[in-house]
Each structure stands twice: as structure tokens, then as C-alpha cells.
Amino acid sequence: MTSRSGLAARTLGEDGPRVVFLHGLFGQGRNWTSTGRALAAEGRRVTLLDLPNHGSSPWTDRVDQVEMAHAVAGEVAALGEPVSLVGHSMGGKVAMQVALRRPELLRALVVVDIAPVEYPETGRRSDDPQEEASPFARFTAAMRALDLRALRGREDADAALREAVPSDAVRAFLLQSLVREDGGWRWRLNLEVLERDLGVVRGFPDPPPGARYDGPALWIAGATSHYVLPRDRARIDALFPAARLVRIKDAGHWVHSERPEVFTETLRRFLRTVERG
């Protein structure tokens, strides 16, 4: 369904505290379905949003984190009560912007494997030879180069993306946004705009002067990921002074899909603490 803010939304659960999930770049709300169902089963109302230019939400002529934050804030405000807002990667940046600009809308903030800093479009953030150079420009180019008219099935798309996207799990994630429609195939991603504005996605707009979010905040990072480095902690603490950081062993950037049980239990424990007041 489409929410009051114009974003596509799906809610799991019929009563209880509100939790809203935001996906990362190239994702959609359905990426959070398993976690959402687990939380809803314990008596929560869980809303999964598609951000602009992703999933079933409207496309725009540019990528703008602050505009995305305003759209999410509109959806949260329409729910009529503060929520625990959870965001991964790009969705984590949007969640941070909501927290800094509309803190009254949040009961708590959860940020998954991202920091309030600018990231390189290419190259690495550290001297660690094990760190993978940023792959997103490569992913976007590969998806745009795919000849959708020649596809006979999803297997063809998987094979065509394999060189640029060697990880089976990441390819499967990307291909969730490839849909068959009216006898053909299309991406549920505004790839032209996402490719052009990748630098915007990698940045982090300055918050309003003096802004900070003093509410409960949890950072969940993958222990093998380089998206949240020790040097990022000072910036996190300055903007989110109550932030706690948890690193999940044997997980990278897609921590919630790589270690789903551990991730969900970590999130569940934090939410229980918040909900007990």
C-alpha cells in the first residue's frame, strides 16, 4: 500500500509499540520482512517502508537525503505516536537525519552499519588489505548494462551480473528488485538517478546547527565491515550522545542478512529495554 507520505509501506502486527524499518541502497522494505515478522510476533506494529526511487515508492528527479528524511518523517508523524526507527546503510543515514531534525517523532534510533560521515564513491576507507573497495558504482553500472529485452528468465540476469557482483548473496539481494511486468522485465530502482547521484548517497548533509538526538540509540555494525571505524565514534557521540555500539562477529555490511538470528536478538533486547521505559 502507499502511505500518507506517498511512500510504499507495509505494516505487520495489529497492536503494540511502533517500529519502522528503512532499507539501504538498492533495497526495499521487504528486505526486513523476516526481522519484522519476528518483532511483530512479540506484540509490535512493524512498518516496512520503500524509500524514494526504490521498490514501489515514487521516483524523483534527484537523490536528496534530507528530502527522504522529510518523507519518512511525514509517514512517522501520521502514525500518531513515537516510533523506534531502524535503518541500514543509506536508510541508516536517512534515519539519523530524521532523528536530528524531528527528534520528537522517535522513541529510539537503531543504525545498522553506517556512520554520519562521507564515504568514498570508489576506493577504501582504511589501510586494511582485506577491505573491499566500494562496489556500488560497479553494481549500478552492471544493472544498467543488463539488456532487459533479451532476458529469458531471472537465471540470465544472475549470470550476466556474476562478474560485477561475485557474491551470490548480494546478487540475490539486487535481483529482488528485478520484476516481470507486462511480458517484460524492469528494475524497481531508478538506476539512472541513483547512478548519477551516488555521491549524494555516500555523503551526509550537515544537520541543523546545534542539532543532536539525546534519545536511546543503538549502532549495530558487522565486525568484518569497514563502514563504522573507530575514528567515526567521535562524530557519532557528538550527534547521538546516548549511542551504544555493538559489533556482530562474522558479519559484514549486510549484517542483518549475514547473521539474521544474532541481529534480530540484538535488536529485540534493545527494543525491550526501550519499551520498558
Protein backbone atom coordinates (compact mmCIF):
# COMPACT_ATOMS: atom_id res chain seq x y z
CA MET A 1 0.00 0.00 0.00
CA THR A 2 1.01 3.64 -0.35
CA SER A 3 1.37 5.62 2.87
CA ARG A 4 0.16 9.13 3.57
CA SER A 5 3.62 10.44 2.70
CA GLY A 6 3.46 8.82 -0.75
CA LEU A 7 5.93 6.11 0.20
CA ALA A 8 5.02 2.46 -0.26
CA ALA A 9 4.52 0.83 3.12
CA ARG A 10 3.50 -2.46 4.65
CA THR A 11 2.68 -2.97 8.32
CA LEU A 12 2.98 -6.25 10.21
CA GLY A 13 1.17 -6.72 13.51
CA GLU A 14 -2.03 -5.16 14.80
CA ASP A 15 -1.09 -3.56 18.10
CA GLY A 16 1.82 -2.70 20.35
CA PRO A 17 4.77 -0.32 20.13
CA ARG A 18 5.64 1.02 16.68
CA VAL A 19 8.84 0.08 14.83
CA VAL A 20 9.67 1.48 11.37
CA PHE A 21 12.36 0.00 9.11
CA LEU A 22 14.34 1.73 6.33
CA HIS A 23 16.34 -0.29 3.79
CA GLY A 24 19.67 0.55 2.20
CA LEU A 25 20.71 1.44 -1.35
CA PHE A 26 19.18 -0.89 -3.99
CA GLY A 27 16.87 -2.38 -1.34
CA GLN A 28 13.18 -2.24 -0.48
CA GLY A 29 11.07 -2.64 2.61
CA ARG A 30 10.59 -6.36 2.03
CA ASN A 31 14.28 -6.87 2.86
CA TRP A 32 13.23 -6.52 6.51
CA THR A 33 10.32 -8.99 6.37
CA SER A 34 11.88 -11.78 8.46
CA THR A 35 13.04 -9.42 11.20
CA GLY A 36 9.74 -7.55 11.07
CA ARG A 37 7.70 -10.71 11.49
CA ALA A 38 9.80 -11.78 14.46
CA LEU A 39 9.23 -8.44 16.19
CA ALA A 40 5.52 -8.32 15.29
CA ALA A 41 5.04 -11.79 16.76
CA GLU A 42 6.03 -10.35 20.13
CA GLY A 43 3.31 -7.69 20.02
CA ARG A 44 4.62 -4.79 17.94
CA ARG A 45 3.37 -2.94 14.87
CA VAL A 46 6.19 -3.01 12.35
CA THR A 47 6.13 -0.79 9.25
CA LEU A 48 8.43 -1.54 6.30
CA LEU A 49 8.94 1.47 4.03
CA ASP A 50 10.22 1.70 0.46
CA LEU A 51 12.37 4.82 0.15
CA PRO A 52 12.03 7.06 -2.94
CA ASN A 53 13.46 5.58 -6.15
CA HIS A 54 13.23 2.08 -4.67
CA GLY A 55 10.60 -0.65 -4.57
CA SER A 56 7.05 0.59 -5.15
CA SER A 57 7.66 4.16 -3.97
CA PRO A 58 7.63 7.10 -6.40
CA TRP A 59 10.70 8.05 -8.41
CA THR A 60 12.17 11.53 -8.11
CA ASP A 61 14.48 13.58 -10.32
CA ARG A 62 17.29 13.56 -7.74
CA VAL A 63 18.55 11.86 -4.62
CA ASP A 64 18.41 14.03 -1.50
CA GLN A 65 18.86 12.60 1.98
CA VAL A 66 17.07 15.50 3.67
CA GLU A 67 14.08 15.18 1.33
CA MET A 68 13.97 11.45 2.06
CA ALA A 69 14.06 12.24 5.77
CA HIS A 70 11.13 14.64 5.37
CA ALA A 71 9.15 11.92 3.55
CA VAL A 72 9.88 9.39 6.30
CA ALA A 73 9.04 11.97 8.98
CA GLY A 74 5.68 12.51 7.30
CA GLU A 75 4.95 8.80 7.47
CA VAL A 76 6.06 8.54 11.10
CA ALA A 77 4.04 11.60 12.13
CA ALA A 78 0.95 10.09 10.52
CA LEU A 79 1.26 7.04 12.78
CA GLY A 80 0.35 9.29 15.69
CA GLU A 81 2.95 8.13 18.21
CA PRO A 82 6.74 7.99 18.55
CA VAL A 83 8.45 5.03 16.91
CA SER A 84 11.67 3.10 17.12
CA LEU A 85 13.30 3.86 13.76
CA VAL A 86 15.71 1.30 12.28
CA GLY A 87 17.80 1.99 9.17
CA HIS A 88 20.54 0.13 7.32
CA SER A 89 23.26 1.88 5.28
CA MET A 90 21.56 4.62 3.22
CA GLY A 91 18.43 4.02 5.29
CA GLY A 92 20.54 4.49 8.41
CA LYS A 93 21.64 7.90 7.15
CA VAL A 94 18.03 8.86 6.50
CA ALA A 95 17.06 7.62 9.97
CA MET A 96 19.82 9.76 11.51
CA GLN A 97 18.55 12.80 9.62
CA VAL A 98 15.03 12.19 10.94
CA ALA A 99 16.36 11.86 14.49
CA LEU A 100 18.37 15.10 14.24
CA ARG A 101 15.59 17.11 12.58
CA ARG A 102 12.43 15.65 14.17
CA PRO A 103 13.56 14.01 17.44
CA GLU A 104 10.05 14.22 18.89
CA LEU A 105 8.92 11.57 16.40
CA LEU A 106 11.26 8.91 17.77
CA ARG A 107 11.19 6.66 20.77
CA ALA A 108 14.57 5.22 19.83
CA LEU A 109 17.04 5.05 16.93
CA VAL A 110 18.82 1.99 15.54
CA VAL A 111 21.51 2.46 12.87
CA VAL A 112 22.89 -0.57 11.06
CA ASP A 113 26.48 -0.46 9.76
CA ILE A 114 26.79 3.17 8.73
CA ALA A 115 28.11 6.38 10.35
CA PRO A 116 27.21 10.09 9.99
CA VAL A 117 30.19 10.69 7.69
CA GLU A 118 31.02 10.87 4.00
CA TYR A 119 32.12 7.68 2.26
CA PRO A 120 34.28 7.32 -0.86
CA GLU A 121 32.48 6.52 -4.12
CA THR A 122 35.42 4.31 -5.03
CA GLY A 123 38.42 3.02 -3.09
CA ARG A 124 38.71 2.14 0.58
CA ARG A 125 38.27 3.81 3.97
CA SER A 126 41.16 2.06 5.70
CA ASP A 127 44.61 0.58 5.11
CA ASP A 128 43.28 -2.93 5.72
CA PRO A 129 44.09 -5.03 2.62
CA GLN A 130 41.04 -7.15 3.39
CA GLU A 131 38.69 -4.19 2.92
CA GLU A 132 36.71 -4.35 -0.31
CA ALA A 133 36.77 -1.17 -2.38
CA SER A 134 33.34 0.47 -2.57
CA PRO A 135 31.38 -1.68 -5.04
CA PHE A 136 28.24 0.39 -5.54
CA ALA A 137 29.29 2.21 -8.71
CA ARG A 138 30.18 -1.17 -10.20
CA PHE A 139 26.85 -2.64 -9.16
CA THR A 140 24.88 0.25 -10.67
CA ALA A 141 26.77 0.10 -13.96
CA ALA A 142 26.21 -3.66 -14.21
CA MET A 143 22.48 -3.38 -13.57
CA ARG A 144 22.11 -0.57 -16.12
CA ALA A 145 24.07 -2.55 -18.70
CA LEU A 146 21.76 -5.55 -18.41
CA ASP A 147 19.74 -5.99 -21.62
CA LEU A 148 16.28 -6.48 -20.15
CA ARG A 149 14.69 -7.18 -23.55
CA ALA A 150 16.97 -10.18 -24.10
CA LEU A 151 16.28 -11.83 -20.74
CA ARG A 152 14.62 -15.22 -20.92
CA GLY A 153 14.46 -15.56 -17.15
CA ARG A 154 15.97 -14.49 -13.86
CA GLU A 155 18.77 -17.02 -14.35
CA ASP A 156 20.01 -15.00 -17.33
CA ALA A 157 20.16 -11.86 -15.20
CA ASP A 158 22.01 -13.70 -12.45
CA ALA A 159 24.60 -14.96 -14.93
CA ALA A 160 25.04 -11.53 -16.53
CA LEU A 161 25.69 -9.87 -13.16
CA ARG A 162 28.07 -12.51 -11.83
CA GLU A 163 31.31 -10.89 -12.97
CA ALA A 164 30.49 -7.48 -11.48
CA VAL A 165 28.72 -8.93 -8.43
CA PRO A 166 30.57 -12.14 -7.47
CA SER A 167 28.74 -12.65 -4.17
CA ASP A 168 25.75 -14.97 -4.57
CA ALA A 169 24.02 -13.31 -1.61
CA VAL A 170 24.48 -9.78 -2.96
CA ARG A 171 23.31 -10.79 -6.45
CA ALA A 172 20.21 -12.36 -4.93
CA PHE A 173 19.61 -9.15 -2.97
CA LEU A 174 19.92 -6.98 -6.10
CA LEU A 175 17.72 -9.28 -8.17
CA GLN A 176 14.85 -8.88 -5.68
CA SER A 177 14.32 -5.54 -7.43
CA LEU A 178 14.08 -7.09 -10.91
CA VAL A 179 10.42 -7.82 -11.66
CA ARG A 180 8.48 -9.25 -14.57
CA GLU A 181 5.75 -6.95 -15.79
CA ASP A 182 3.54 -6.89 -18.92
CA GLY A 183 5.56 -9.67 -20.51
CA GLY A 184 8.92 -7.97 -19.93
CA TRP A 185 11.37 -7.15 -17.17
CA ARG A 186 12.05 -3.94 -15.29
CA TRP A 187 14.05 -2.73 -12.31
CA ARG A 188 12.16 -1.37 -9.31
CA LEU A 189 15.07 1.03 -8.97
CA ASN A 190 15.59 4.44 -10.55
CA LEU A 191 19.06 3.38 -11.68
CA GLU A 192 19.75 6.44 -13.82
CA VAL A 193 19.25 8.83 -10.91
CA LEU A 194 20.90 6.53 -8.35
CA GLU A 195 24.00 6.20 -10.54
CA ARG A 196 24.20 9.94 -11.22
CA ASP A 197 23.70 10.89 -7.58
CA LEU A 198 25.78 8.15 -5.97
CA GLY A 199 27.98 10.84 -4.45
CA VAL A 200 24.94 12.26 -2.66
CA VAL A 201 24.13 8.82 -1.27
CA ARG A 202 27.69 8.49 0.00
CA GLY A 203 27.64 11.86 1.77
CA PHE A 204 25.96 13.04 4.95
CA PRO A 205 24.34 16.50 4.92
CA ASP A 206 25.18 18.80 7.80
CA PRO A 207 22.42 18.69 10.42
CA PRO A 208 20.82 21.92 11.64
CA PRO A 209 23.15 23.99 13.86
CA GLY A 210 23.27 22.56 17.36
CA ALA A 211 21.16 19.54 16.46
CA ARG A 212 21.66 16.30 18.31
CA TYR A 213 19.50 13.35 19.28
CA ASP A 214 19.57 12.59 23.00
CA GLY A 215 17.24 9.58 22.96
CA PRO A 216 18.20 5.90 23.12
CA ALA A 217 20.38 4.94 20.16
CA LEU A 218 21.95 1.66 19.13
CA TRP A 219 24.58 1.14 16.44
CA ILE A 220 24.82 -2.42 15.10
CA ALA A 221 27.91 -2.99 12.96
CA GLY A 222 29.40 -6.01 11.26
CA ALA A 223 32.71 -6.98 12.84
CA THR A 224 34.31 -7.51 9.42
CA SER A 225 32.80 -4.35 7.92
CA HIS A 226 34.73 -1.08 7.49
CA TYR A 227 31.65 1.16 7.42
CA VAL A 228 31.92 2.05 11.12
CA LEU A 229 35.56 2.67 12.01
CA PRO A 230 36.98 3.66 15.41
CA ARG A 231 37.58 7.18 14.08
CA ASP A 232 33.82 7.53 13.41
CA ARG A 233 32.93 7.17 17.07
CA ALA A 234 33.63 10.82 17.96
CA ARG A 235 31.18 12.03 15.32
CA ILE A 236 28.56 9.50 16.44
CA ASP A 237 28.92 10.54 20.07
CA ALA A 238 28.73 14.25 19.24
CA LEU A 239 25.39 13.88 17.44
CA PHE A 240 23.97 10.90 19.36
CA PRO A 241 25.41 11.08 22.90
CA ALA A 242 23.44 8.07 24.20
CA ALA A 243 24.65 5.79 21.39
CA ARG A 244 25.79 2.26 22.15
CA LEU A 245 27.81 0.29 19.61
CA VAL A 246 27.54 -3.47 19.14
CA ARG A 247 29.69 -5.36 16.62
CA ILE A 248 28.38 -8.71 15.42
CA LYS A 249 31.01 -11.36 14.85
CA ASP A 250 31.43 -12.87 11.35
CA ALA A 251 29.23 -10.25 9.72
CA GLY A 252 29.99 -7.62 7.10
CA HIS A 253 27.96 -4.69 5.80
CA TRP A 254 24.76 -6.71 5.30
CA VAL A 255 24.86 -7.75 8.93
CA HIS A 256 21.10 -8.39 9.21
CA SER A 257 21.14 -10.88 6.33
CA GLU A 258 24.53 -12.44 7.13
CA ARG A 259 23.76 -13.10 10.82
CA PRO A 260 19.96 -12.75 10.99
CA GLU A 261 19.37 -14.59 14.27
CA VAL A 262 22.07 -12.68 16.16
CA PHE A 263 20.99 -9.39 14.61
CA THR A 264 17.33 -9.90 15.48
CA GLU A 265 18.12 -10.91 19.06
CA THR A 266 20.38 -7.85 19.48
CA LEU A 267 17.62 -5.59 18.20
CA ARG A 268 14.96 -7.35 20.26
CA ARG A 269 16.88 -6.86 23.51
CA PHE A 270 17.39 -3.16 22.81
CA LEU A 271 13.71 -2.62 21.98
CA ARG A 272 12.61 -4.41 25.13
CA THR A 273 14.77 -2.07 27.20
CA VAL A 274 13.37 0.98 25.42
CA GLU A 275 9.78 -0.22 25.72
CA ARG A 276 10.11 -0.89 29.44
CA GLY A 277 10.96 2.80 29.79
